[in-house]
């Protein structure tokens, strides 16, 4: 079985932070999966010790990002503490060299994770199993949100791990799997993108690293067909458009927000560095993803 490849005896925690009552709410964890030490940052909401059955949101950083950067720039931890859900920030495998640039193997992207054929689906699956078993996670309410390469990984998880993931959010991502997307169940998708994004162009083309990316709506149309959705309906608002695909049963949805401002960035978030694209001022991706996730759970 695949889980036999996970050496859970190597699981360890460091920098555990406790409040004045001695209860821990934040952990830096490491688990060995397929020979790689995979690290993550885990945040528990303030009422964790008083109740059970918490939703879990998995947040995947973009290429060259990390857990601390994703937490700092996306604002999901504050939302989790207020919304009473658990959030975990896994980290992609780092490259050799000075900067240890981290990436996710989303199929046809990206960098070391792709070239070394890292099994990131196995990593995330194992992490979900561990958190469900040990942190009072409701297994029917597990969600994934990602930025850029992390968003591409979210699509890959929707295709390959649909039995464990209730819904996904992609920010500045696209479906770029190397094999056909064949989920065992339909997965609701929220896509948030900018028409000004040149690193992962919304209409497809060459972007970051010289990689050719398929158009965002081509992937959404593939998923809509798998979900037996009706034709898309677009509504225009100030600064952005919303295109919606609805399932015939009313239970599956694909929502795509396209902003006219911003760029390759997390709307409503912070710039990870001075040279990064500015975030959209018209939307808040963190608010949107939590509103979207609350609509769905596994059967």
Protein backbone atom coordinates (compact mmCIF):
# COMPACT_ATOMS: atom_id res chain seq x y z
CA UNK A 1 0.00 0.00 0.00
CA UNK A 2 1.12 3.54 -0.73
CA UNK A 3 1.07 4.59 2.91
CA UNK A 4 3.79 2.06 3.66
CA UNK A 5 6.13 4.55 1.98
CA UNK A 6 5.54 7.02 4.79
CA UNK A 7 7.99 6.64 7.65
CA UNK A 8 5.86 8.14 10.39
CA UNK A 9 8.43 7.26 13.03
CA UNK A 10 10.41 10.20 11.63
CA UNK A 11 7.56 12.58 12.40
CA UNK A 12 8.77 15.38 14.65
CA UNK A 13 7.74 18.82 15.80
CA UNK A 14 9.87 21.85 16.61
CA UNK A 15 9.15 25.43 17.64
CA UNK A 16 5.90 24.36 19.28
CA UNK A 17 4.23 27.53 20.55
CA UNK A 18 2.09 27.40 23.69
CA UNK A 19 -0.12 29.96 25.35
CA UNK A 20 -0.09 30.83 29.02
CA UNK A 21 -2.26 27.80 29.75
CA UNK A 22 0.31 25.44 28.28
CA UNK A 23 -1.77 24.52 25.23
CA UNK A 24 -0.03 24.41 21.84
CA UNK A 25 -1.69 26.01 18.82
CA UNK A 26 1.17 26.18 16.32
CA UNK A 27 3.61 23.54 15.16
CA UNK A 28 6.42 23.26 12.64
CA UNK A 29 6.16 19.62 11.61
CA UNK A 30 8.26 17.24 9.53
CA UNK A 31 7.27 13.89 8.07
CA UNK A 32 9.34 11.59 5.91
CA UNK A 33 7.51 10.60 2.74
CA UNK A 34 9.15 8.59 -0.06
CA UNK A 35 12.60 9.41 1.28
CA UNK A 36 12.04 13.17 1.52
CA UNK A 37 11.72 15.09 4.79
CA UNK A 38 8.57 17.10 4.15
CA UNK A 39 7.92 20.08 6.40
CA UNK A 40 4.80 22.08 7.15
CA UNK A 41 3.43 24.79 9.42
CA UNK A 42 0.22 23.95 11.30
CA UNK A 43 -2.09 26.48 12.98
CA UNK A 44 -4.98 25.47 15.26
CA UNK A 45 -7.89 27.87 15.97
CA UNK A 46 -8.42 29.34 19.46
CA UNK A 47 -11.28 26.93 20.28
CA UNK A 48 -9.40 23.80 19.18
CA UNK A 49 -9.32 22.24 22.66
CA UNK A 50 -13.00 22.94 23.34
CA UNK A 51 -14.68 21.17 20.42
CA UNK A 52 -14.11 18.78 17.50
CA UNK A 53 -14.85 18.28 13.83
CA UNK A 54 -12.80 21.13 12.37
CA UNK A 55 -12.55 21.92 8.66
CA UNK A 56 -9.00 21.79 7.29
CA UNK A 57 -7.64 24.18 4.68
CA UNK A 58 -4.35 23.21 3.04
CA UNK A 59 -2.52 26.24 1.61
CA UNK A 60 0.16 25.61 -1.04
CA UNK A 61 2.76 28.31 -1.69
CA UNK A 62 3.89 29.28 -5.17
CA UNK A 63 7.19 28.48 -6.86
CA UNK A 64 10.16 29.65 -4.73
CA UNK A 65 7.81 30.40 -1.83
CA UNK A 66 7.54 28.64 1.52
CA UNK A 67 5.17 28.08 4.41
CA UNK A 68 6.11 31.21 6.35
CA UNK A 69 5.83 33.38 3.25
CA UNK A 70 2.43 31.95 2.35
CA UNK A 71 1.13 32.55 5.86
CA UNK A 72 2.47 36.10 5.91
CA UNK A 73 1.23 37.16 2.47
CA UNK A 74 -2.14 35.42 2.09
CA UNK A 75 -3.77 36.15 5.47
CA UNK A 76 -5.34 32.70 5.84
CA UNK A 77 -4.27 32.17 9.46
CA UNK A 78 -6.23 35.20 10.66
CA UNK A 79 -9.22 33.95 8.70
CA UNK A 80 -8.80 30.46 10.21
CA UNK A 81 -8.68 31.79 13.76
CA UNK A 82 -11.83 33.83 13.17
CA UNK A 83 -13.60 31.14 11.12
CA UNK A 84 -12.75 28.22 13.44
CA UNK A 85 -10.87 26.03 10.98
CA UNK A 86 -7.43 24.45 10.95
CA UNK A 87 -4.92 25.65 8.37
CA UNK A 88 -1.72 23.90 7.32
CA UNK A 89 1.01 25.26 5.06
CA UNK A 90 3.02 22.38 3.53
CA UNK A 91 6.30 23.08 1.77
CA UNK A 92 7.42 21.84 -1.62
CA UNK A 93 10.75 20.09 -2.14
CA UNK A 94 13.67 22.53 -2.30
CA UNK A 95 16.35 22.59 -4.98
CA UNK A 96 20.05 22.23 -4.36
CA UNK A 97 22.14 25.37 -4.19
CA UNK A 98 22.06 28.59 -2.23
CA UNK A 99 18.36 29.44 -2.36
CA UNK A 100 16.71 25.98 -2.12
CA UNK A 101 13.85 27.09 -4.37
CA UNK A 102 10.74 25.09 -3.54
CA UNK A 103 8.27 23.74 -6.07
CA UNK A 104 5.39 21.31 -6.56
CA UNK A 105 5.09 18.53 -9.12
CA UNK A 106 1.82 19.50 -10.82
CA UNK A 107 2.44 17.36 -13.93
CA UNK A 108 4.01 19.57 -16.60
CA UNK A 109 5.29 22.05 -14.02
CA UNK A 110 7.44 22.91 -12.10
CA UNK A 111 11.23 22.91 -11.65
CA UNK A 112 12.93 20.32 -9.39
CA UNK A 113 9.69 18.73 -8.14
CA UNK A 114 8.75 17.94 -11.73
CA UNK A 115 12.20 16.95 -13.01
CA UNK A 116 12.78 14.65 -10.01
CA UNK A 117 9.23 13.25 -10.30
CA UNK A 118 8.44 14.02 -6.66
CA UNK A 119 5.16 12.40 -5.59
CA UNK A 120 3.51 15.43 -4.02
CA UNK A 121 0.08 13.80 -4.24
CA UNK A 122 1.34 11.08 -1.89
CA UNK A 123 2.76 13.72 0.46
CA UNK A 124 -0.48 15.68 0.69
CA UNK A 125 -2.52 12.49 1.02
CA UNK A 126 -0.31 11.31 3.88
CA UNK A 127 -0.47 14.71 5.56
CA UNK A 128 -4.28 14.67 5.38
CA UNK A 129 -4.38 11.20 6.94
CA UNK A 130 -2.09 12.27 9.76
CA UNK A 131 -4.00 15.46 10.55
CA UNK A 132 -7.39 13.69 10.44
CA UNK A 133 -6.08 11.05 12.85
CA UNK A 134 -4.44 13.44 15.30
CA UNK A 135 -6.05 16.90 15.12
CA UNK A 136 -9.82 16.43 15.14
CA UNK A 137 -10.19 17.25 11.45
CA UNK A 138 -13.54 16.50 9.84
CA UNK A 139 -12.51 14.25 6.90
CA UNK A 140 -15.52 15.43 4.90
CA UNK A 141 -14.34 19.06 5.04
CA UNK A 142 -10.79 19.08 3.73
CA UNK A 143 -9.97 21.82 1.21
CA UNK A 144 -6.93 22.92 -0.80
CA UNK A 145 -5.96 26.44 -1.86
CA UNK A 146 -2.83 27.28 -3.82
CA UNK A 147 -0.98 30.17 -5.44
CA UNK A 148 0.68 29.85 -8.87
CA UNK A 149 2.59 26.53 -8.89
CA UNK A 150 0.71 25.70 -5.67
CA UNK A 151 -2.56 26.39 -7.52
CA UNK A 152 -1.49 24.00 -10.28
CA UNK A 153 -0.84 21.44 -7.56
CA UNK A 154 -4.36 22.06 -6.22
CA UNK A 155 -5.75 21.14 -9.65
CA UNK A 156 -3.61 17.98 -9.68
CA UNK A 157 -4.99 17.02 -6.28
CA UNK A 158 -8.54 17.59 -7.53
CA UNK A 159 -7.79 15.17 -10.36
CA UNK A 160 -5.97 12.50 -8.33
CA UNK A 161 -7.16 12.85 -4.73
CA UNK A 162 -10.81 13.77 -5.14
CA UNK A 163 -11.92 11.18 -2.56
CA UNK A 164 -10.22 13.22 0.19
CA UNK A 165 -10.70 16.82 -0.99
CA UNK A 166 -14.08 18.54 -0.90
CA UNK A 167 -13.17 21.61 -3.00
CA UNK A 168 -10.17 23.59 -4.24
CA UNK A 169 -9.18 27.20 -4.87
CA UNK A 170 -6.61 28.18 -7.48
CA UNK A 171 -5.08 31.67 -7.42
CA UNK A 172 -3.10 32.50 -10.57
CA UNK A 173 -2.98 28.85 -11.60
CA UNK A 174 -4.13 26.57 -14.40
CA UNK A 175 -4.69 22.87 -15.06
CA UNK A 176 -1.36 21.53 -16.35
CA UNK A 177 -1.45 17.82 -15.51
CA UNK A 178 0.67 15.50 -17.66
CA UNK A 179 -2.12 12.91 -17.91
CA UNK A 180 -5.89 13.21 -18.33
CA UNK A 181 -7.81 14.46 -15.31
CA UNK A 182 -9.93 11.55 -14.09
CA UNK A 183 -11.29 12.30 -10.60
CA UNK A 184 -13.31 9.64 -8.82
CA UNK A 185 -15.86 12.34 -7.92
CA UNK A 186 -16.59 15.85 -9.10
CA UNK A 187 -14.67 18.56 -7.25
CA UNK A 188 -15.91 22.17 -6.99
CA UNK A 189 -13.31 24.69 -8.17
CA UNK A 190 -12.79 28.38 -7.44
CA UNK A 191 -10.32 30.07 -9.82
CA UNK A 192 -9.10 33.62 -9.13
CA UNK A 193 -6.93 35.19 -11.81
CA UNK A 194 -5.87 38.52 -13.30
CA UNK A 195 -6.06 39.55 -16.93
CA UNK A 196 -2.73 41.31 -16.28
CA UNK A 197 -0.97 38.07 -15.26
CA UNK A 198 2.06 37.54 -17.54
CA UNK A 199 3.60 34.69 -15.53
CA UNK A 200 0.62 32.35 -15.98
CA UNK A 201 -1.37 34.08 -18.76
CA UNK A 202 -5.11 33.67 -18.42
CA UNK A 203 -5.49 33.05 -22.16
CA UNK A 204 -2.53 30.69 -22.26
CA UNK A 205 0.97 31.04 -23.67
CA UNK A 206 4.55 31.22 -22.52
CA UNK A 207 4.99 32.48 -18.99
CA UNK A 208 7.37 32.14 -16.06
CA UNK A 209 10.48 30.08 -16.71
CA UNK A 210 9.66 29.88 -20.42
CA UNK A 211 6.97 27.32 -19.68
CA UNK A 212 3.93 27.14 -21.98
CA UNK A 213 0.72 27.24 -19.96
CA UNK A 214 -2.70 26.22 -21.29
CA UNK A 215 -5.51 28.75 -21.08
CA UNK A 216 -7.24 28.79 -17.73
CA UNK A 217 -10.73 28.40 -19.14
CA UNK A 218 -9.67 25.38 -21.20
CA UNK A 219 -8.98 23.50 -17.97
CA UNK A 220 -12.16 24.80 -16.40
CA UNK A 221 -14.18 23.61 -19.39
CA UNK A 222 -12.61 20.15 -19.04
CA UNK A 223 -13.61 20.04 -15.38
CA UNK A 224 -17.05 21.43 -16.17
CA UNK A 225 -17.62 18.62 -18.66
CA UNK A 226 -16.53 16.05 -16.06
CA UNK A 227 -18.96 17.67 -13.63
CA UNK A 228 -21.80 17.67 -16.19
CA UNK A 229 -22.12 21.42 -15.77
CA UNK A 230 -24.29 23.60 -17.94
CA UNK A 231 -22.91 26.42 -20.14
CA UNK A 232 -20.97 29.15 -18.32
CA UNK A 233 -22.67 32.36 -17.29
CA UNK A 234 -20.61 35.56 -16.96
CA UNK A 235 -21.48 38.61 -14.88
CA UNK A 236 -19.51 41.85 -15.02
CA UNK A 237 -18.72 43.85 -11.91
CA UNK A 238 -16.54 46.86 -11.26
CA UNK A 239 -12.95 45.73 -11.75
CA UNK A 240 -13.66 42.04 -12.40
CA UNK A 241 -15.83 39.42 -14.12
CA UNK A 242 -17.35 36.32 -12.56
CA UNK A 243 -17.96 33.28 -14.77
CA UNK A 244 -19.99 30.45 -13.21
CA UNK A 245 -20.56 26.83 -14.25
CA UNK A 246 -23.38 25.04 -12.44
CA UNK A 247 -23.91 21.30 -12.20
CA UNK A 248 -27.20 19.83 -13.33
CA UNK A 249 -27.72 18.50 -9.81
CA UNK A 250 -27.02 21.91 -8.30
CA UNK A 251 -24.30 20.49 -6.05
CA UNK A 252 -21.18 21.15 -8.11
CA UNK A 253 -19.88 24.54 -9.14
CA UNK A 254 -16.95 26.15 -10.86
CA UNK A 255 -16.48 29.86 -10.23
CA UNK A 256 -13.87 31.95 -12.03
CA UNK A 257 -13.08 35.50 -10.95
CA UNK A 258 -11.02 37.48 -13.49
CA UNK A 259 -9.75 40.85 -12.28
CA UNK A 260 -8.71 43.67 -14.59
CA UNK A 261 -6.03 44.92 -12.19
CA UNK A 262 -3.25 43.24 -10.21
CA UNK A 263 -1.15 40.54 -11.85
CA UNK A 264 0.47 37.32 -10.71
CA UNK A 265 -0.53 37.92 -7.10
CA UNK A 266 -2.91 37.02 -4.28
CA UNK A 267 -5.84 39.50 -4.38
CA UNK A 268 -6.19 41.31 -1.08
CA UNK A 269 -2.85 39.95 0.12
CA UNK A 270 0.68 41.31 0.42
CA UNK A 271 3.49 41.43 -2.13
CA UNK A 272 6.08 38.76 -1.22
CA UNK A 273 8.88 41.03 -2.48
CA UNK A 274 9.25 44.54 -3.83
CA UNK A 275 9.44 43.43 -7.48
CA UNK A 276 6.30 41.27 -7.29
CA UNK A 277 3.06 42.19 -9.05
CA UNK A 278 0.58 44.25 -7.03
CA UNK A 279 -2.47 42.41 -5.65
CA UNK A 280 -5.91 43.26 -6.97
CA UNK A 281 -7.78 45.87 -4.96
CA UNK A 282 -11.20 44.62 -6.07
CA UNK A 283 -11.21 41.17 -4.46
CA UNK A 284 -9.95 39.41 -1.37
CA UNK A 285 -8.97 35.86 -2.30
CA UNK A 286 -8.90 34.65 1.31
CA UNK A 287 -12.46 35.81 1.97
CA UNK A 288 -13.65 34.30 -1.31
CA UNK A 289 -12.05 30.91 -0.75
CA UNK A 290 -13.51 30.45 2.72
CA UNK A 291 -16.98 31.52 1.54
CA UNK A 292 -16.66 29.05 -1.33
CA UNK A 293 -15.37 26.16 0.77
CA UNK A 294 -18.19 26.44 3.30
CA UNK A 295 -20.66 25.49 0.55
CA UNK A 296 -19.16 22.02 0.03
CA UNK A 297 -18.35 18.83 1.87
CA UNK A 298 -17.67 15.26 0.82
CA UNK A 299 -20.72 12.99 0.60
